[in-house]
Protein backbone atom coordinates (compact mmCIF):
# COMPACT_ATOMS: atom_id res chain seq x y z
CA MET A 1 18.20 -8.41 4.02
CA ARG A 2 17.95 -6.27 0.58
CA ILE A 3 14.41 -4.74 -0.18
CA LEU A 4 13.67 -2.75 -3.76
CA VAL A 5 11.37 -0.01 -3.01
CA PHE A 6 9.11 1.05 -6.04
CA GLN A 7 7.99 3.99 -4.93
CA HIS A 8 6.11 7.14 -7.21
CA LEU A 9 5.80 10.33 -5.22
CA ALA A 10 8.73 12.05 -3.10
CA VAL A 11 6.02 12.31 0.19
CA GLU A 12 4.49 8.78 -0.86
CA HIS A 13 7.76 7.04 0.55
CA PRO A 14 7.72 3.96 3.09
CA GLY A 15 7.38 6.13 6.19
CA ILE A 16 7.59 4.93 9.33
CA PHE A 17 9.01 1.55 7.52
CA ARG A 18 12.03 3.71 7.19
CA ASP A 19 12.89 3.39 11.07
CA ILE A 20 11.33 -0.11 11.30
CA TRP A 21 14.09 -1.25 8.20
CA ARG A 22 16.79 0.88 9.48
CA ALA A 23 16.64 -0.27 13.00
CA GLY A 24 16.00 -4.16 11.81
CA GLY A 25 19.77 -3.28 9.97
CA HIS A 26 18.04 -4.06 6.50
CA GLN A 27 19.66 -2.49 3.27
CA VAL A 28 16.87 -0.29 1.48
CA GLN A 29 16.87 1.19 -2.38
CA ILE A 30 14.41 3.74 -3.17
CA VAL A 31 13.87 3.30 -6.90
CA ALA A 32 11.85 7.42 -7.92
CA LEU A 33 9.80 5.82 -10.66
CA ASP A 34 8.17 9.13 -11.82
CA GLU A 35 11.59 11.05 -11.37
CA GLY A 36 12.68 8.97 -14.19
CA ALA A 37 14.93 6.45 -12.58
CA PRO A 38 15.78 2.83 -13.57
CA ILE A 39 14.45 -0.48 -12.48
CA PRO A 40 17.59 -2.47 -11.16
CA ALA A 41 18.01 -6.28 -11.46
CA LEU A 42 15.51 -7.55 -9.44
CA GLU A 43 17.84 -11.02 -8.69
CA GLY A 44 19.56 -9.10 -5.70
CA PHE A 45 17.25 -8.24 -3.73
CA ASP A 46 15.10 -9.94 -0.79
CA LEU A 47 11.79 -7.86 -0.67
CA LEU A 48 9.78 -5.75 -3.13
CA ALA A 49 7.90 -3.16 -1.80
CA VAL A 50 5.83 -0.83 -3.67
CA MET A 51 3.91 2.43 -2.44
CA GLY A 52 1.36 4.18 -2.91
CA GLY A 53 0.90 7.11 -5.30
CA PRO A 54 -1.33 9.79 -6.96
CA MET A 55 -1.41 8.27 -10.53
CA ASP A 56 -3.76 4.98 -11.24
CA VAL A 57 -3.02 1.92 -12.96
CA TRP A 58 -4.79 2.40 -15.79
CA GLN A 59 -2.95 5.51 -16.89
CA THR A 60 -0.05 4.30 -18.88
CA ASP A 61 -0.47 7.23 -21.60
CA ARG A 62 0.21 9.61 -19.31
CA HIS A 63 3.17 7.61 -16.67
CA PRO A 64 4.28 4.94 -19.06
CA TRP A 65 7.07 3.90 -17.24
CA LEU A 66 3.89 1.60 -15.01
CA LEU A 67 3.79 -0.57 -17.62
CA ALA A 68 7.45 -1.41 -16.87
CA GLU A 69 6.91 -1.32 -13.08
CA MET A 70 3.55 -3.75 -13.46
CA ALA A 71 6.18 -6.15 -15.74
CA ALA A 72 8.38 -5.99 -12.99
CA ILE A 73 6.39 -6.90 -10.65
CA ARG A 74 4.78 -9.75 -12.61
CA THR A 75 8.53 -10.92 -12.42
CA TRP A 76 9.27 -10.84 -9.50
CA VAL A 77 5.96 -13.08 -8.05
CA ARG A 78 5.80 -15.20 -10.49
CA ASP A 79 9.06 -16.44 -12.01
CA LEU A 80 10.60 -15.37 -9.05
CA ASN A 81 8.46 -15.94 -6.16
CA ARG A 82 9.53 -13.51 -3.62
CA PRO A 83 7.93 -11.22 -0.68
CA TYR A 84 6.29 -8.73 -2.12
CA LEU A 85 3.89 -5.52 0.01
CA GLY A 86 1.87 -3.54 -1.92
CA ILE A 87 0.21 -0.29 -0.13
CA CYS A 88 -2.88 1.48 -1.36
CA LEU A 89 -1.76 2.34 -5.52
CA GLY A 90 0.97 -0.95 -4.58
CA HIS A 91 -1.76 -2.74 -3.41
CA GLN A 92 -3.94 -2.13 -6.85
CA LEU A 93 -0.91 -2.77 -9.22
CA LEU A 94 0.08 -6.28 -7.59
CA ALA A 95 -3.73 -6.70 -8.51
CA GLU A 96 -3.54 -5.18 -12.31
CA ALA A 97 -0.06 -6.58 -12.56
CA LEU A 98 -1.26 -10.42 -12.35
CA GLY A 99 -4.53 -10.33 -14.16
CA GLY A 100 -7.02 -8.55 -11.79
CA LYS A 101 -8.85 -5.17 -12.37
CA VAL A 102 -8.52 -2.03 -10.59
CA GLY A 103 -11.66 0.79 -11.22
CA ARG A 104 -12.28 4.51 -9.86
CA MET A 105 -14.54 3.90 -6.29
CA ALA A 106 -17.94 5.79 -6.31
CA ARG A 107 -16.30 8.16 -3.54
CA PRO A 108 -13.35 8.59 -2.52
CA GLU A 109 -12.45 6.18 1.18
CA VAL A 110 -10.36 8.71 3.39
CA GLY A 111 -10.07 9.02 6.88
CA VAL A 112 -9.95 6.12 9.53
CA THR A 113 -12.39 3.58 9.10
CA GLU A 114 -13.09 0.18 10.27
CA THR A 115 -11.57 -3.18 8.24
CA VAL A 116 -12.56 -6.25 9.14
CA LEU A 117 -10.17 -9.18 8.49
CA THR A 118 -11.84 -12.53 6.56
CA PRO A 119 -11.47 -15.50 8.05
CA GLU A 120 -8.64 -16.30 5.22
CA GLY A 121 -7.25 -12.91 6.70
CA ARG A 122 -7.29 -14.46 9.83
CA ALA A 123 -5.73 -17.43 9.72
CA ASP A 124 -3.09 -15.36 7.27
CA GLY A 125 0.72 -15.05 9.00
CA LEU A 126 0.98 -11.05 7.71
CA PHE A 127 -1.40 -10.54 10.36
CA ALA A 128 -0.91 -12.89 13.26
CA GLY A 129 -1.80 -11.13 16.75
CA LEU A 130 -4.01 -8.53 14.81
CA GLY A 131 -8.03 -8.27 14.29
CA PRO A 132 -10.28 -9.36 13.92
CA ALA A 133 -11.17 -5.78 13.04
CA LEU A 134 -8.74 -3.13 12.79
CA GLN A 135 -9.04 1.17 12.58
CA ALA A 136 -7.14 1.69 9.30
CA PHE A 137 -6.06 4.76 7.26
CA GLN A 138 -7.79 5.35 4.23
CA TRP A 139 -6.94 7.58 0.80
CA HIS A 140 -7.91 6.40 -2.30
CA GLY A 141 -10.16 6.74 -4.83
CA ALA A 142 -9.51 3.68 -7.17
CA GLU A 143 -10.18 -0.32 -5.62
CA VAL A 144 -9.37 -3.60 -6.96
CA GLN A 145 -12.69 -4.77 -8.25
CA ALA A 146 -11.91 -8.08 -10.01
CA LEU A 147 -9.49 -10.08 -8.22
CA PRO A 148 -6.24 -11.73 -10.32
CA PRO A 149 -5.70 -15.40 -10.33
CA GLY A 150 -5.02 -17.24 -7.56
CA ALA A 151 -5.67 -14.47 -4.85
CA THR A 152 -7.24 -14.49 -1.40
CA ILE A 153 -9.26 -11.66 -0.13
CA LEU A 154 -7.65 -11.10 3.46
CA ALA A 155 -9.55 -7.64 4.60
CA ALA A 156 -12.87 -5.77 3.83
CA ASN A 157 -14.85 -3.29 4.89
CA ALA A 158 -18.65 -1.63 2.97
CA ALA A 159 -16.99 0.99 0.93
CA CYS A 160 -14.03 -1.53 -0.44
CA PRO A 161 -14.46 -4.88 -0.67
CA VAL A 162 -10.89 -5.68 -1.25
CA GLN A 163 -8.97 -3.81 1.32
CA ALA A 164 -6.00 -6.82 1.59
CA LEU A 165 -4.92 -9.49 -0.32
CA ARG A 166 -2.94 -12.29 -0.81
CA VAL A 167 -1.88 -13.53 -4.56
CA GLY A 168 0.23 -17.03 -4.03
CA ARG A 169 2.09 -17.50 -1.18
CA ARG A 170 4.32 -14.91 -0.65
CA ALA A 171 2.44 -11.45 -1.90
CA TRP A 172 0.24 -9.35 -0.11
CA GLY A 173 -1.36 -6.34 -1.17
CA ILE A 174 -2.61 -3.43 1.63
CA GLN A 175 -5.21 -0.91 0.28
CA PHE A 176 -5.46 1.66 3.70
CA HIS A 177 -2.20 3.02 4.79
CA VAL A 178 0.06 1.48 8.10
CA GLU A 179 3.17 3.82 7.13
CA MET A 180 1.65 6.78 8.70
CA THR A 181 4.21 9.65 10.63
CA ALA A 182 3.74 12.72 12.00
CA THR A 183 4.22 14.74 8.99
CA THR A 184 2.39 12.58 6.35
CA VAL A 185 -1.36 14.35 6.26
CA ALA A 186 0.69 17.61 5.63
CA GLU A 187 2.58 16.34 2.82
CA TRP A 188 -0.30 14.13 0.92
CA ALA A 189 -2.60 17.52 1.39
CA ALA A 190 0.26 19.80 -0.49
CA VAL A 191 -0.77 17.34 -3.80
CA PRO A 192 -3.76 18.52 -5.92
CA GLU A 193 -4.98 15.09 -6.48
CA TYR A 194 -4.62 14.23 -2.88
CA ALA A 195 -5.87 17.53 -1.41
CA ALA A 196 -9.49 16.99 -4.22
CA SER A 197 -10.21 13.51 -2.54
CA LEU A 198 -9.65 14.91 0.78
CA ARG A 199 -12.01 17.86 0.31
CA ALA A 200 -14.64 15.50 -2.02
CA ALA A 201 -14.85 13.05 1.35
CA MET A 202 -14.96 15.00 3.75
CA GLY A 203 -15.41 18.68 3.16
CA ALA A 204 -13.36 21.28 3.37
CA THR A 205 -13.47 22.38 7.57
CA ARG A 206 -12.90 17.92 8.15
CA ALA A 207 -9.94 18.20 5.93
CA ALA A 208 -8.21 20.97 7.25
CA GLY A 209 -8.59 19.54 11.18
CA LEU A 210 -7.41 16.19 9.75
CA GLY A 211 -3.82 16.14 10.67
CA ALA A 212 -5.03 17.05 14.60
CA GLU A 213 -7.15 14.55 14.47
CA LEU A 214 -5.39 11.44 13.65
CA ALA A 215 -2.59 12.73 15.62
CA PRO A 216 -3.70 10.95 18.84
CA GLN A 217 -4.12 7.68 16.59
CA LEU A 218 -0.74 8.07 15.00
CA PRO A 219 0.93 5.45 18.08
CA ALA A 220 -1.67 2.87 17.48
CA PHE A 221 -1.51 2.98 13.40
CA ASN A 222 2.71 2.82 13.86
CA ALA A 223 2.09 -0.24 16.39
CA LEU A 224 0.11 -1.63 13.49
CA ALA A 225 2.65 -1.03 10.77
CA ARG A 226 5.28 -2.62 13.64
CA GLN A 227 3.33 -5.91 14.17
CA ILE A 228 3.01 -6.06 9.82
CA ASP A 229 6.51 -5.49 9.73
CA ALA A 230 7.15 -8.65 12.27
CA ASN A 231 5.12 -10.87 10.92
CA LEU A 232 6.06 -10.64 7.48
CA TRP A 233 9.77 -11.20 7.88
CA ALA A 234 8.32 -13.77 10.57
CA VAL A 235 6.45 -15.23 7.32
CA VAL A 236 8.70 -14.90 4.70
């Protein structure tokens, strides 16, 4: 398969999915939108994966390329009806681009939290063999606050009622991070916006030790990513 990746920051790459997709023989083209890379013609790709980033969907004055990105997402999902997987910001962009609403949370959600699949989520092929509750890594300060037309909530928790959604039959957004690698926390903690949200959510002491705290759970996170990837291809 040919996979198109929209990337918003060099350190917010597809993570463990790079290894999974390489092993699967897929071709991956990464478009670094924050660096001014143009969006290619969409018709030649089979999957659009949209990653996270420190910007917010409403910051179109500061990041005008967000408008072109959301237009491309609309074309991909509505017109081409091809598979979409959005993670964190990519999840929020899916909702916003298709008529939903994203807003700032009262308090950032950072760290490992329990996320519960809804009845619709337990029946969705993307989460086959998982749940009903997932231990997932979170690092976000915005959330989907109103669903786009045709969307279904697939996972939720008390901090964020829309942890995963599906729009139509082939477009999924996941708020939590499943792409974690051994270097992810250190790379993200070097981004000023992320470091601030980390300290606000966890305090300076725990924030400094987050990488070590998460290391024992990395195999489980990677297993989750591999299951979701296998489920995605089985569904589409």
